[in-house]
C-alpha cells in the first residue's frame, strides 16, 4: 500500500541532501512505500560541481544550476539518494526523506540565507498592499537561489504567495498595478512571453492563441534594475482527500484509456498547486482531474472569460477508488474550446 502523508514543509521548501544537492519540494506531502521508505516529491535545483559558477559563504563547494524536473526526471541520470516512483504509469522524481539534512522554509524570511534583495522586495510588497487596503489573509515567501544562499547578480527572484482562491484575482491585480507603478515591465510586454507561447503551443500541439493563453498564466516582471521576478500564487495548502485516495489506489488493480472530450469545470482553485487538482463535469458526472506538471498550471482558471466549455485531453484512469482524469503525458491539457476550434 502507498500512503499519502502531509508534511509540515510547504511547497517549494528548499532541501539540502547528504550529498550536497539542493532540491525544492514539489508539493506539501510525502508518500510511504511498501519497503517503509518515506519519500518526498522534488525538483533538483543545484549540484556541487568543481567548475561551478555559483559560490556561497554558506557552502564550501562551488555549485551549478542542475535542473531535474519532477515529472520529466526519467530523461535525466539520477544520483543515489534520488528515485523514480511510478504514479499510474508516469515516473516522478522523489528523494528519500532520510537523506535531507537541511530545510529552508520559503516563509522564514529571518534566515540569514535569504538575500537582502528578496527581503527588500517582499517588505515593499507588504507595504504597498497595506496602502492599497488589502485586508484579506495572505502569506509571502521566497524560494530558489535567493532563498538557499546561491544567488548571483543576475539570478531570477522566485516569489511565492498563498491566497485563498476567492481573492486570487484581486491580489494579482493589485500586485500588477503596484509593480507597474514602480516601473516594472510585465512579461506580456517582453519577447519572453512570445517564446513561452510558442513553446506551449508546440508542447501541447495547439494553436498559438492557446499558447499565449498559457503563457499569460505566468506572473513575471522585470524590475527597473533589470531583475527578473516571478510570482507563484497558490491556494492555502489544505488536506486533499482526492490526492490521498488517488495515491492509496496505486497498489490495486487499475486501467486507463485515452480521453478527448468536452467538459465543464466546477472548481479550478487548486490548478496552481502541486499536485494540481480540478473538479469537472462530463456526462452529468463530477470527476476529479490531477496533474503533477508545471506545464498545466492555471488551466481552466479563467473566471468565465472563455465561457464554460473546455476541451480535455487526458488519460481516464479506472481505479478501485473511483475514476479520475490524469494529465500525465506531454500532450494532455484542459483548454477553452474557443481557442481550439
Protein backbone atom coordinates (compact mmCIF):
# COMPACT_ATOMS: atom_id res chain seq x y z
CA UNK A 1 0.00 0.00 0.00
CA UNK A 2 1.24 3.51 -0.85
CA UNK A 3 0.38 6.03 1.87
CA UNK A 4 -0.03 9.75 1.28
CA UNK A 5 1.02 11.99 4.19
CA UNK A 6 1.01 15.74 4.69
CA UNK A 7 4.32 17.36 5.65
CA UNK A 8 4.88 20.43 7.77
CA UNK A 9 7.03 21.81 4.94
CA UNK A 10 5.14 23.90 2.38
CA UNK A 11 5.51 23.67 -1.38
CA UNK A 12 8.85 25.00 -2.71
CA UNK A 13 10.68 24.43 0.57
CA UNK A 14 14.39 24.20 -0.15
CA UNK A 15 16.03 20.91 0.80
CA UNK A 16 19.72 20.06 1.05
CA UNK A 17 20.70 16.39 0.88
CA UNK A 18 23.54 14.46 2.48
CA UNK A 19 25.46 14.56 -0.80
CA UNK A 20 25.16 18.34 -1.01
CA UNK A 21 22.47 18.60 -3.67
CA UNK A 22 19.78 21.28 -3.40
CA UNK A 23 16.15 20.47 -4.18
CA UNK A 24 12.78 22.18 -3.99
CA UNK A 25 9.82 20.25 -2.70
CA UNK A 26 7.09 19.85 -5.33
CA UNK A 27 4.03 19.75 -3.08
CA UNK A 28 3.37 19.64 0.65
CA UNK A 29 3.28 15.87 1.06
CA UNK A 30 5.35 12.69 1.21
CA UNK A 31 4.45 9.11 0.39
CA UNK A 32 5.39 5.95 2.25
CA UNK A 33 6.30 2.97 0.06
CA UNK A 34 5.93 -0.75 0.67
CA UNK A 35 9.51 -1.02 1.98
CA UNK A 36 8.73 1.54 4.69
CA UNK A 37 10.70 4.29 2.99
CA UNK A 38 9.16 7.78 3.16
CA UNK A 39 9.94 9.78 0.03
CA UNK A 40 9.42 13.44 -0.89
CA UNK A 41 8.44 14.85 -4.33
CA UNK A 42 11.13 17.21 -5.61
CA UNK A 43 12.76 19.11 -8.42
CA UNK A 44 16.55 19.02 -8.32
CA UNK A 45 17.92 22.57 -8.49
CA UNK A 46 21.69 22.78 -7.82
CA UNK A 47 24.56 20.31 -7.77
CA UNK A 48 28.05 20.63 -6.24
CA UNK A 49 30.47 20.89 -9.16
CA UNK A 50 34.21 21.56 -9.21
CA UNK A 51 33.86 24.08 -12.04
CA UNK A 52 30.55 25.51 -10.88
CA UNK A 53 29.78 29.17 -11.32
CA UNK A 54 27.93 29.74 -8.05
CA UNK A 55 29.61 30.23 -4.72
CA UNK A 56 28.16 30.92 -1.29
CA UNK A 57 29.53 31.95 2.07
CA UNK A 58 27.41 29.12 3.50
CA UNK A 59 28.82 26.30 1.31
CA UNK A 60 32.43 25.14 0.87
CA UNK A 61 31.68 23.77 -2.62
CA UNK A 62 31.03 25.51 -5.89
CA UNK A 63 27.60 24.86 -7.39
CA UNK A 64 25.99 24.76 -10.80
CA UNK A 65 22.34 25.01 -11.76
CA UNK A 66 21.29 21.42 -12.48
CA UNK A 67 17.56 21.26 -13.11
CA UNK A 68 15.85 17.87 -12.99
CA UNK A 69 12.09 18.42 -13.10
CA UNK A 70 9.74 16.26 -11.02
CA UNK A 71 7.66 14.99 -13.95
CA UNK A 72 10.49 14.71 -16.50
CA UNK A 73 13.14 13.05 -14.37
CA UNK A 74 13.11 9.84 -16.42
CA UNK A 75 15.03 11.79 -19.08
CA UNK A 76 17.98 12.51 -16.74
CA UNK A 77 20.64 10.47 -14.89
CA UNK A 78 19.90 10.30 -11.15
CA UNK A 79 22.10 10.22 -8.06
CA UNK A 80 21.93 7.59 -5.32
CA UNK A 81 19.52 9.40 -2.99
CA UNK A 82 17.03 10.04 -5.79
CA UNK A 83 14.46 7.58 -7.08
CA UNK A 84 11.62 7.40 -9.56
CA UNK A 85 8.19 6.38 -8.29
CA UNK A 86 5.70 5.20 -10.89
CA UNK A 87 2.42 7.04 -10.38
CA UNK A 88 -0.14 5.37 -12.65
CA UNK A 89 2.32 4.91 -15.48
CA UNK A 90 4.26 8.16 -15.01
CA UNK A 91 7.69 8.11 -13.27
CA UNK A 92 8.11 11.09 -10.91
CA UNK A 93 11.21 12.27 -9.04
CA UNK A 94 11.41 11.73 -5.26
CA UNK A 95 14.19 11.64 -2.68
CA UNK A 96 14.44 9.56 0.45
CA UNK A 97 13.34 11.74 3.36
CA UNK A 98 16.20 10.36 5.47
CA UNK A 99 18.75 11.95 3.13
CA UNK A 100 17.50 15.50 3.89
CA UNK A 101 19.95 17.27 6.21
CA UNK A 102 18.73 20.89 5.92
CA UNK A 103 15.38 22.54 5.22
CA UNK A 104 14.67 26.08 4.02
CA UNK A 105 11.10 27.21 4.61
CA UNK A 106 10.11 29.83 1.99
CA UNK A 107 8.19 31.95 4.52
CA UNK A 108 11.08 32.13 7.02
CA UNK A 109 12.47 35.48 5.88
CA UNK A 110 14.61 35.92 9.01
CA UNK A 111 17.03 33.22 7.87
CA UNK A 112 20.42 34.72 7.02
CA UNK A 113 20.45 32.82 3.72
CA UNK A 114 17.60 34.93 2.33
CA UNK A 115 19.15 37.57 0.05
CA UNK A 116 18.90 41.22 1.01
CA UNK A 117 17.27 41.94 -2.39
CA UNK A 118 14.50 39.43 -1.66
CA UNK A 119 13.91 40.81 1.84
CA UNK A 120 13.65 44.35 0.48
CA UNK A 121 11.24 43.38 -2.31
CA UNK A 122 8.91 41.42 -0.01
CA UNK A 123 8.90 44.27 2.52
CA UNK A 124 7.98 46.67 -0.31
CA UNK A 125 5.18 44.34 -1.43
CA UNK A 126 3.69 44.16 2.06
CA UNK A 127 3.81 47.94 2.46
CA UNK A 128 2.24 48.54 -0.95
CA UNK A 129 -0.55 46.02 -0.32
CA UNK A 130 -1.24 47.62 3.06
CA UNK A 131 -1.53 51.07 1.46
CA UNK A 132 -3.83 49.60 -1.19
CA UNK A 133 -6.21 48.49 1.55
CA UNK A 134 -5.76 44.73 1.09
CA UNK A 135 -7.20 43.26 4.27
CA UNK A 136 -7.67 39.57 3.40
CA UNK A 137 -5.18 36.99 4.61
CA UNK A 138 -2.12 36.14 2.53
CA UNK A 139 1.41 34.87 3.06
CA UNK A 140 4.54 35.81 1.11
CA UNK A 141 7.77 33.89 0.70
CA UNK A 142 10.84 33.32 -1.44
CA UNK A 143 12.29 30.17 -2.97
CA UNK A 144 15.10 29.31 -5.36
CA UNK A 145 18.64 30.68 -5.25
CA UNK A 146 17.65 33.82 -3.29
CA UNK A 147 16.32 31.57 -0.50
CA UNK A 148 19.08 29.00 -0.17
CA UNK A 149 22.06 31.35 -0.44
CA UNK A 150 23.17 30.59 -4.01
CA UNK A 151 22.02 33.74 -5.84
CA UNK A 152 24.24 35.75 -8.15
CA UNK A 153 23.99 39.25 -9.57
CA UNK A 154 21.83 38.06 -12.47
CA UNK A 155 19.74 35.43 -10.62
CA UNK A 156 15.98 35.43 -11.11
CA UNK A 157 13.94 36.09 -8.00
CA UNK A 158 11.26 33.47 -7.31
CA UNK A 159 8.47 34.71 -5.07
CA UNK A 160 5.56 32.71 -3.69
CA UNK A 161 2.24 33.74 -2.17
CA UNK A 162 -0.63 31.83 -0.61
CA UNK A 163 -4.01 33.49 -1.17
CA UNK A 164 -7.49 31.99 -0.89
CA UNK A 165 -8.87 31.28 -4.37
CA UNK A 166 -11.70 33.77 -3.78
CA UNK A 167 -9.19 36.63 -3.58
CA UNK A 168 -6.52 35.41 -6.01
CA UNK A 169 -7.62 37.66 -8.88
CA UNK A 170 -7.82 40.74 -6.66
CA UNK A 171 -4.39 40.01 -5.22
CA UNK A 172 -2.78 39.66 -8.66
CA UNK A 173 -4.50 42.79 -9.99
CA UNK A 174 -3.11 44.82 -7.09
CA UNK A 175 0.39 43.37 -7.45
CA UNK A 176 0.35 44.15 -11.18
CA UNK A 177 -0.80 47.75 -10.60
CA UNK A 178 1.74 48.31 -7.87
CA UNK A 179 4.68 46.84 -9.77
CA UNK A 180 3.80 48.74 -12.95
CA UNK A 181 3.64 51.93 -10.89
CA UNK A 182 7.22 51.20 -9.79
CA UNK A 183 8.39 50.98 -13.38
CA UNK A 184 8.42 47.17 -13.62
CA UNK A 185 7.79 45.65 -17.05
CA UNK A 186 5.25 42.83 -17.35
CA UNK A 187 6.25 39.67 -19.22
CA UNK A 188 3.41 40.25 -21.69
CA UNK A 189 5.43 43.21 -22.99
CA UNK A 190 8.59 41.17 -23.41
CA UNK A 191 9.83 38.79 -26.08
CA UNK A 192 9.96 36.11 -23.37
CA UNK A 193 6.16 35.89 -23.48
CA UNK A 194 6.29 35.16 -27.23
CA UNK A 195 8.90 32.46 -26.64
CA UNK A 196 6.78 30.85 -23.91
CA UNK A 197 3.65 30.96 -26.08
CA UNK A 198 5.44 29.18 -28.91
CA UNK A 199 6.89 26.60 -26.51
CA UNK A 200 3.47 25.83 -25.01
CA UNK A 201 1.82 25.62 -28.45
CA UNK A 202 4.44 23.11 -29.63
CA UNK A 203 4.34 21.12 -26.38
CA UNK A 204 0.58 20.58 -26.49
CA UNK A 205 0.07 20.65 -30.25
CA UNK A 206 -2.39 23.56 -30.09
CA UNK A 207 -2.83 26.90 -31.93
CA UNK A 208 -0.59 29.81 -30.94
CA UNK A 209 -3.62 31.58 -29.43
CA UNK A 210 -3.80 28.79 -26.86
CA UNK A 211 -0.05 29.14 -26.36
CA UNK A 212 -0.49 32.79 -25.40
CA UNK A 213 -3.37 31.85 -23.10
CA UNK A 214 -0.99 29.54 -21.22
CA UNK A 215 1.95 31.94 -21.26
CA UNK A 216 -0.22 34.60 -19.64
CA UNK A 217 -0.74 32.30 -16.67
CA UNK A 218 2.80 33.19 -15.64
CA UNK A 219 3.19 36.23 -13.39
CA UNK A 220 6.60 37.61 -14.30
CA UNK A 221 8.08 41.10 -14.31
CA UNK A 222 11.42 42.80 -14.91
CA UNK A 223 12.27 45.33 -12.23
CA UNK A 224 13.61 48.79 -13.04
CA UNK A 225 17.04 47.39 -12.13
CA UNK A 226 16.67 44.59 -14.69
CA UNK A 227 15.99 41.73 -12.24
CA UNK A 228 13.54 39.07 -13.42
CA UNK A 229 10.87 38.48 -10.77
CA UNK A 230 8.35 35.63 -10.97
CA UNK A 231 5.43 35.11 -8.61
CA UNK A 232 3.68 31.81 -7.91
CA UNK A 233 0.28 32.36 -6.27
CA UNK A 234 -1.13 29.22 -4.67
CA UNK A 235 -4.21 28.45 -2.63
CA UNK A 236 -3.55 27.83 1.06
CA UNK A 237 -2.38 24.24 1.23
CA UNK A 238 -5.10 22.11 2.78
CA UNK A 239 -5.69 18.40 3.15
CA UNK A 240 -6.87 16.90 -0.12
CA UNK A 241 -8.79 13.66 0.16
CA UNK A 242 -8.75 13.44 -3.64
CA UNK A 243 -4.95 13.16 -3.67
CA UNK A 244 -4.96 10.74 -0.75
CA UNK A 245 -7.44 8.44 -2.48
CA UNK A 246 -5.53 8.52 -5.76
CA UNK A 247 -2.27 7.50 -4.07
CA UNK A 248 -3.97 4.83 -1.96
CA UNK A 249 -5.18 3.03 -5.08
CA UNK A 250 -1.74 2.65 -6.65
CA UNK A 251 -1.28 -0.95 -5.50
CA UNK A 252 -4.78 -2.04 -6.55
CA UNK A 253 -5.99 -3.05 -9.99
CA UNK A 254 -6.37 -0.14 -12.38
CA UNK A 255 -6.56 0.52 -16.10
CA UNK A 256 -6.61 3.61 -18.25
CA UNK A 257 -7.90 4.78 -21.60
CA UNK A 258 -7.31 7.85 -23.75
CA UNK A 259 -9.94 10.54 -23.43
CA UNK A 260 -10.65 13.60 -25.57
CA UNK A 261 -13.92 15.41 -24.98
CA UNK A 262 -15.81 18.46 -23.77
CA UNK A 263 -16.15 19.08 -20.07
CA UNK A 264 -17.26 21.86 -17.72
CA UNK A 265 -15.07 22.97 -14.84
CA UNK A 266 -16.73 23.46 -11.47
CA UNK A 267 -13.57 24.03 -9.40
CA UNK A 268 -10.12 25.11 -10.58
CA UNK A 269 -8.91 26.73 -7.35
CA UNK A 270 -6.11 24.18 -6.93
CA UNK A 271 -4.86 24.47 -10.51
CA UNK A 272 -1.68 26.31 -9.45
CA UNK A 273 -0.87 23.99 -6.54
CA UNK A 274 1.27 20.83 -6.52
CA UNK A 275 -0.22 18.47 -7.46
CA UNK A 276 -2.84 20.39 -9.40
CA UNK A 277 -6.48 19.40 -8.89
CA UNK A 278 -9.66 20.26 -10.77
CA UNK A 279 -13.26 19.11 -10.44
CA UNK A 280 -15.00 18.74 -13.81
CA UNK A 281 -18.37 17.55 -15.09
CA UNK A 282 -18.70 15.16 -18.02
CA UNK A 283 -21.98 13.49 -18.87
CA UNK A 284 -23.51 14.71 -15.65
CA UNK A 285 -20.80 13.07 -13.52
CA UNK A 286 -18.36 15.03 -11.35
CA UNK A 287 -14.85 13.66 -11.86
CA UNK A 288 -11.51 14.87 -10.44
CA UNK A 289 -8.54 15.74 -12.63
CA UNK A 290 -4.94 15.59 -11.37
CA UNK A 291 -1.61 16.77 -12.75
CA UNK A 292 1.93 16.83 -11.33
CA UNK A 293 3.31 19.05 -14.10
CA UNK A 294 4.34 22.72 -14.10
CA UNK A 295 3.08 22.95 -17.68
CA UNK A 296 -0.57 22.58 -16.67
CA UNK A 297 -0.61 25.42 -14.16
CA UNK A 298 -3.70 27.60 -14.25
CA UNK A 299 -5.51 25.67 -16.94
CA UNK A 300 -9.24 26.37 -16.67
CA UNK A 301 -8.75 29.13 -14.10
CA UNK A 302 -10.40 31.81 -16.26
CA UNK A 303 -13.38 33.22 -14.32
CA UNK A 304 -15.71 32.52 -17.24
CA UNK A 305 -13.87 34.75 -19.72
CA UNK A 306 -13.96 32.00 -22.36
CA UNK A 307 -17.33 30.58 -21.34
CA UNK A 308 -17.89 27.27 -19.58
CA UNK A 309 -16.85 24.80 -22.29
CA UNK A 310 -13.38 23.27 -22.23
CA UNK A 311 -11.70 20.52 -24.17
CA UNK A 312 -9.98 17.93 -22.00
CA UNK A 313 -7.29 15.63 -23.38
CA UNK A 314 -6.13 13.18 -20.72
CA UNK A 315 -5.91 9.61 -19.52
CA UNK A 316 -9.11 8.38 -17.89
CA UNK A 317 -7.99 6.08 -15.08
CA UNK A 318 -10.38 3.45 -13.73
CA UNK A 319 -9.21 2.53 -10.22
CA UNK A 320 -10.79 0.74 -7.28
CA UNK A 321 -11.10 4.09 -5.54
CA UNK A 322 -13.04 5.58 -8.45
CA UNK A 323 -12.40 7.16 -11.85
CA UNK A 324 -10.22 10.21 -12.36
CA UNK A 325 -8.60 12.05 -15.25
CA UNK A 326 -4.80 12.21 -15.30
CA UNK A 327 -2.88 14.90 -17.21
CA UNK A 328 0.03 12.52 -17.47
CA UNK A 329 1.59 12.95 -20.90
CA UNK A 330 3.14 15.93 -22.66
CA UNK A 331 0.16 16.43 -24.96
CA UNK A 332 -2.50 16.45 -22.23
CA UNK A 333 -4.36 19.66 -21.41
CA UNK A 334 -7.54 21.47 -20.30
CA UNK A 335 -8.13 24.41 -22.64
CA UNK A 336 -11.06 26.67 -23.57
CA UNK A 337 -12.84 25.19 -26.57
CA UNK A 338 -12.98 28.63 -28.20
CA UNK A 339 -9.19 28.67 -28.53
CA UNK A 340 -9.04 25.28 -30.23
CA UNK A 341 -11.85 25.32 -32.78
